[in-house]
Amino acid sequence: MKSRKKNRSKPLGQSLVEFTLMLPILLIIISGLVEFGFLLNFYLDLVDTSREVARNASDDDPVHDETGAFDDNPLDDPEPNGFYSRAYDAMSYELTKARQISLDQGNNDDMVLSIFTIKDGAIFARYPGSYNHICDQGGEKGWRLYCNQESRFDNARVQDMLNELTLDAPNTGIVLVEIFYNYNLVMGLPWVEAFIGNPVTLHAYSIMPNRSAAP
């Protein structure tokens, strides 16, 4: 009987040793999943915000002033009623509802807006045009709230997207909203930082039609 008890104790002891060896790896994996869950939650809030800003901007007029005259210079927009200011207000409202994100100029966060006129399946114009106010603005860099980031969509990339959608894109206007947010790891675990870095730059964007920018 004694020999049988000894034989039964060997698998239990072996399992305990194996679990002890695997425990650190399991903890690393679980903590990484938890951190990724936090990051994904922040990213989804940014996606929702960019979509709402684009939806508001799609009904706004980015290239005509209050008298109806053509004017793509954001410096001429009467603040706080300009197209870009209204887009900023929409973003601030959505982020306030999310309650966990606020763009920080010192954290390299930013919001970038671009408006395109599409004619005969090709990019006819991109607004605002390039200008230099506090920093280089407009053109392929887009209108930049804090001048920390610039658009990740140059004209060639947007044209490729149009070509993928249809060979004969209709004459229209589109608005592109991009939001950049530097996510600082909530748990700050060094083994997670080693794989994804800290902070992690999150980039969310939305594209929607804008009839006011149509040719």
Protein backbone atom coordinates (compact mmCIF):
# COMPACT_ATOMS: atom_id res chain seq x y z
CA MET A 1 0.00 0.00 0.00
CA LYS A 2 2.82 2.42 0.84
CA SER A 3 4.45 1.98 -2.58
CA ARG A 4 1.16 2.83 -4.30
CA LYS A 5 0.88 6.14 -2.40
CA LYS A 6 4.40 7.10 -3.40
CA ASN A 7 3.67 6.41 -7.07
CA ARG A 8 0.53 8.58 -6.94
CA SER A 9 2.44 11.53 -5.48
CA LYS A 10 4.93 11.71 -8.35
CA PRO A 11 2.48 13.04 -11.02
CA LEU A 12 1.15 15.63 -8.56
CA GLY A 13 4.63 16.88 -7.75
CA GLN A 14 5.58 16.98 -11.41
CA SER A 15 2.48 19.01 -12.28
CA LEU A 16 3.24 21.47 -9.51
CA VAL A 17 6.77 21.99 -10.80
CA GLU A 18 5.52 22.44 -14.38
CA PHE A 19 2.88 24.95 -13.25
CA THR A 20 5.51 26.90 -11.30
CA LEU A 21 7.71 27.07 -14.39
CA MET A 22 4.83 28.15 -16.63
CA LEU A 23 3.33 30.68 -14.20
CA PRO A 24 5.62 33.62 -15.15
CA ILE A 25 4.91 33.04 -18.85
CA LEU A 26 1.17 32.90 -18.20
CA LEU A 27 1.31 36.11 -16.18
CA ILE A 28 3.22 37.85 -18.98
CA ILE A 29 0.65 36.73 -21.56
CA ILE A 30 -2.34 37.69 -19.38
CA SER A 31 -0.92 41.10 -18.52
CA GLY A 32 -0.21 41.71 -22.20
CA LEU A 33 -3.80 40.85 -23.09
CA VAL A 34 -5.09 43.21 -20.40
CA GLU A 35 -2.91 46.06 -21.69
CA PHE A 36 -4.00 45.33 -25.25
CA GLY A 37 -7.61 45.49 -24.07
CA PHE A 38 -7.02 48.98 -22.68
CA LEU A 39 -5.30 50.05 -25.92
CA LEU A 40 -8.10 48.64 -28.08
CA ASN A 41 -10.69 50.47 -25.99
CA PHE A 42 -8.89 53.78 -26.55
CA TYR A 43 -8.51 53.06 -30.27
CA LEU A 44 -12.21 52.30 -30.70
CA ASP A 45 -13.06 55.61 -29.02
CA LEU A 46 -10.80 57.38 -31.52
CA VAL A 47 -12.42 55.56 -34.45
CA ASP A 48 -15.89 56.57 -33.22
CA THR A 49 -14.73 60.15 -32.74
CA SER A 50 -13.16 60.41 -36.21
CA ARG A 51 -16.37 59.01 -37.71
CA GLU A 52 -18.55 61.56 -35.91
CA VAL A 53 -16.27 64.46 -36.84
CA ALA A 54 -16.29 63.34 -40.48
CA ARG A 55 -20.08 63.02 -40.39
CA ASN A 56 -20.40 66.59 -39.10
CA ALA A 57 -17.83 67.87 -41.59
CA SER A 58 -19.57 66.15 -44.48
CA ASP A 59 -22.54 68.50 -44.05
CA ASP A 60 -20.35 71.58 -43.66
CA ASP A 61 -18.84 73.83 -46.30
CA PRO A 62 -15.03 73.89 -46.19
CA VAL A 63 -14.29 75.96 -49.30
CA HIS A 64 -16.76 78.83 -49.31
CA ASP A 65 -17.06 81.68 -46.86
CA GLU A 66 -20.27 82.96 -45.29
CA THR A 67 -21.06 85.10 -48.34
CA GLY A 68 -20.81 82.08 -50.65
CA ALA A 69 -17.52 83.14 -52.22
CA PHE A 70 -14.85 80.50 -52.87
CA ASP A 71 -12.14 80.64 -50.21
CA ASP A 72 -10.05 77.68 -49.07
CA ASN A 73 -7.86 79.62 -46.63
CA PRO A 74 -8.78 78.67 -43.05
CA LEU A 75 -7.22 81.89 -41.76
CA ASP A 76 -10.04 83.82 -43.45
CA ASP A 77 -12.78 81.84 -41.69
CA PRO A 78 -14.44 84.01 -39.03
CA GLU A 79 -13.64 82.28 -35.75
CA PRO A 80 -15.17 80.46 -34.01
CA ASN A 81 -17.49 79.74 -36.96
CA GLY A 82 -14.93 78.42 -39.42
CA PHE A 83 -15.08 74.90 -40.88
CA TYR A 84 -11.97 73.78 -39.01
CA SER A 85 -13.11 75.25 -35.72
CA ARG A 86 -16.44 73.47 -36.04
CA ALA A 87 -14.64 70.20 -36.70
CA TYR A 88 -12.51 70.79 -33.61
CA ASP A 89 -15.63 71.49 -31.56
CA ALA A 90 -17.20 68.24 -32.79
CA MET A 91 -14.06 66.31 -31.85
CA SER A 92 -13.92 67.88 -28.39
CA TYR A 93 -17.57 67.03 -27.80
CA GLU A 94 -17.10 63.37 -28.79
CA LEU A 95 -13.93 62.96 -26.71
CA THR A 96 -15.69 64.51 -23.73
CA LYS A 97 -18.38 61.85 -24.05
CA ALA A 98 -15.69 59.13 -24.17
CA ARG A 99 -14.32 60.48 -20.85
CA GLN A 100 -10.89 58.92 -21.17
CA ILE A 101 -9.15 60.78 -24.00
CA SER A 102 -8.14 64.39 -24.42
CA LEU A 103 -5.70 65.49 -27.09
CA ASP A 104 -2.58 67.05 -25.62
CA GLN A 105 -0.38 69.27 -27.75
CA GLY A 106 2.62 68.45 -25.57
CA ASN A 107 1.98 64.72 -26.03
CA ASN A 108 2.33 64.93 -29.84
CA ASP A 109 -1.40 64.37 -30.31
CA ASP A 110 -3.13 65.98 -33.27
CA MET A 111 -6.16 66.19 -35.54
CA VAL A 112 -5.61 66.53 -39.29
CA LEU A 113 -8.27 67.50 -41.85
CA SER A 114 -8.12 67.30 -45.64
CA ILE A 115 -10.78 68.07 -48.24
CA PHE A 116 -10.63 66.72 -51.79
CA THR A 117 -12.40 67.67 -54.98
CA ILE A 118 -12.73 64.61 -57.24
CA LYS A 119 -13.28 65.25 -60.94
CA ASP A 120 -13.38 62.62 -63.71
CA GLY A 121 -12.12 59.95 -61.32
CA ALA A 122 -9.02 61.91 -60.25
CA ILE A 123 -8.05 64.35 -57.52
CA PHE A 124 -8.71 67.81 -58.93
CA ALA A 125 -7.85 69.80 -55.78
CA ARG A 126 -6.93 69.31 -52.14
CA TYR A 127 -7.87 71.85 -49.49
CA PRO A 128 -6.65 73.81 -47.74
CA GLY A 129 -3.83 74.82 -50.03
CA SER A 130 -0.33 75.02 -48.59
CA TYR A 131 0.31 78.01 -46.39
CA ASN A 132 2.57 78.94 -43.49
CA HIS A 133 1.03 80.44 -40.39
CA ILE A 134 2.47 79.01 -37.18
CA CYS A 135 3.82 76.00 -39.08
CA ASP A 136 3.58 74.47 -42.55
CA GLN A 137 -0.09 73.74 -43.13
CA GLY A 138 -2.32 72.45 -45.87
CA GLY A 139 -1.42 70.63 -49.04
CA GLU A 140 -0.56 66.97 -48.56
CA LYS A 141 0.15 67.63 -44.88
CA GLY A 142 -3.47 68.65 -44.30
CA TRP A 143 -4.81 71.19 -41.85
CA ARG A 144 -3.10 70.38 -38.56
CA LEU A 145 -4.54 71.36 -35.22
CA TYR A 146 -1.26 71.29 -33.28
CA CYS A 147 1.28 70.81 -36.10
CA ASN A 148 2.54 67.66 -34.35
CA GLN A 149 1.49 65.20 -37.03
CA GLU A 150 0.73 65.31 -40.73
CA SER A 151 -1.64 63.39 -42.95
CA ARG A 152 -0.66 59.81 -43.68
CA PHE A 153 -2.63 60.01 -46.92
CA ASP A 154 -0.72 61.68 -49.70
CA ASN A 155 -2.53 62.35 -52.96
CA ALA A 156 -1.16 59.20 -54.58
CA ARG A 157 -2.57 57.01 -51.81
CA VAL A 158 -5.99 58.64 -52.02
CA GLN A 159 -5.95 58.23 -55.79
CA ASP A 160 -5.13 54.54 -55.40
CA MET A 161 -8.11 54.18 -53.07
CA LEU A 162 -10.35 55.81 -55.66
CA ASN A 163 -9.03 53.50 -58.36
CA GLU A 164 -9.75 50.48 -56.19
CA LEU A 165 -13.33 51.57 -55.61
CA THR A 166 -14.23 52.27 -59.22
CA LEU A 167 -12.64 53.00 -62.57
CA ASP A 168 -15.02 55.90 -63.07
CA ALA A 169 -15.36 57.73 -59.76
CA PRO A 170 -18.15 60.33 -59.86
CA ASN A 171 -17.49 64.03 -59.55
CA THR A 172 -17.73 64.65 -55.84
CA GLY A 173 -16.00 66.03 -52.79
CA ILE A 174 -14.68 64.07 -49.83
CA VAL A 175 -13.46 64.98 -46.37
CA LEU A 176 -10.73 63.06 -44.57
CA VAL A 177 -10.45 63.27 -40.78
CA GLU A 178 -7.41 61.83 -39.00
CA ILE A 179 -6.85 61.74 -35.25
CA PHE A 180 -3.49 60.95 -33.68
CA TYR A 181 -3.24 60.01 -30.02
CA ASN A 182 -0.17 58.86 -28.14
CA TYR A 183 -1.40 56.14 -25.83
CA ASN A 184 0.64 55.75 -22.65
CA LEU A 185 0.53 52.20 -21.31
CA VAL A 186 -1.88 51.97 -18.37
CA MET A 187 0.00 49.19 -16.59
CA GLY A 188 3.45 50.30 -17.72
CA LEU A 189 4.90 46.79 -17.60
CA PRO A 190 8.46 46.60 -18.98
CA TRP A 191 7.90 43.31 -20.83
CA VAL A 192 4.96 44.86 -22.68
CA GLU A 193 6.93 48.04 -23.45
CA ALA A 194 9.69 45.88 -24.94
CA PHE A 195 7.29 44.61 -27.61
CA ILE A 196 5.08 47.61 -28.45
CA GLY A 197 6.95 50.59 -27.00
CA ASN A 198 5.57 53.37 -24.85
CA PRO A 199 3.78 55.55 -25.83
CA VAL A 200 1.99 53.93 -28.77
CA THR A 201 0.80 56.30 -31.48
CA LEU A 202 -2.81 55.49 -32.38
CA HIS A 203 -4.07 56.71 -35.74
CA ALA A 204 -7.79 56.65 -36.53
CA TYR A 205 -9.37 58.09 -39.67
CA SER A 206 -12.67 58.40 -41.49
CA ILE A 207 -13.54 59.45 -45.03
CA MET A 208 -16.95 60.77 -46.00
CA PRO A 209 -18.46 62.62 -48.96
CA ASN A 210 -18.77 66.39 -48.92
CA ARG A 211 -21.00 67.91 -51.60
CA SER A 212 -19.74 71.44 -50.97
CA ALA A 213 -16.29 70.44 -52.24
CA ALA A 214 -17.64 68.87 -55.42
CA PRO A 215 -16.50 70.47 -58.71
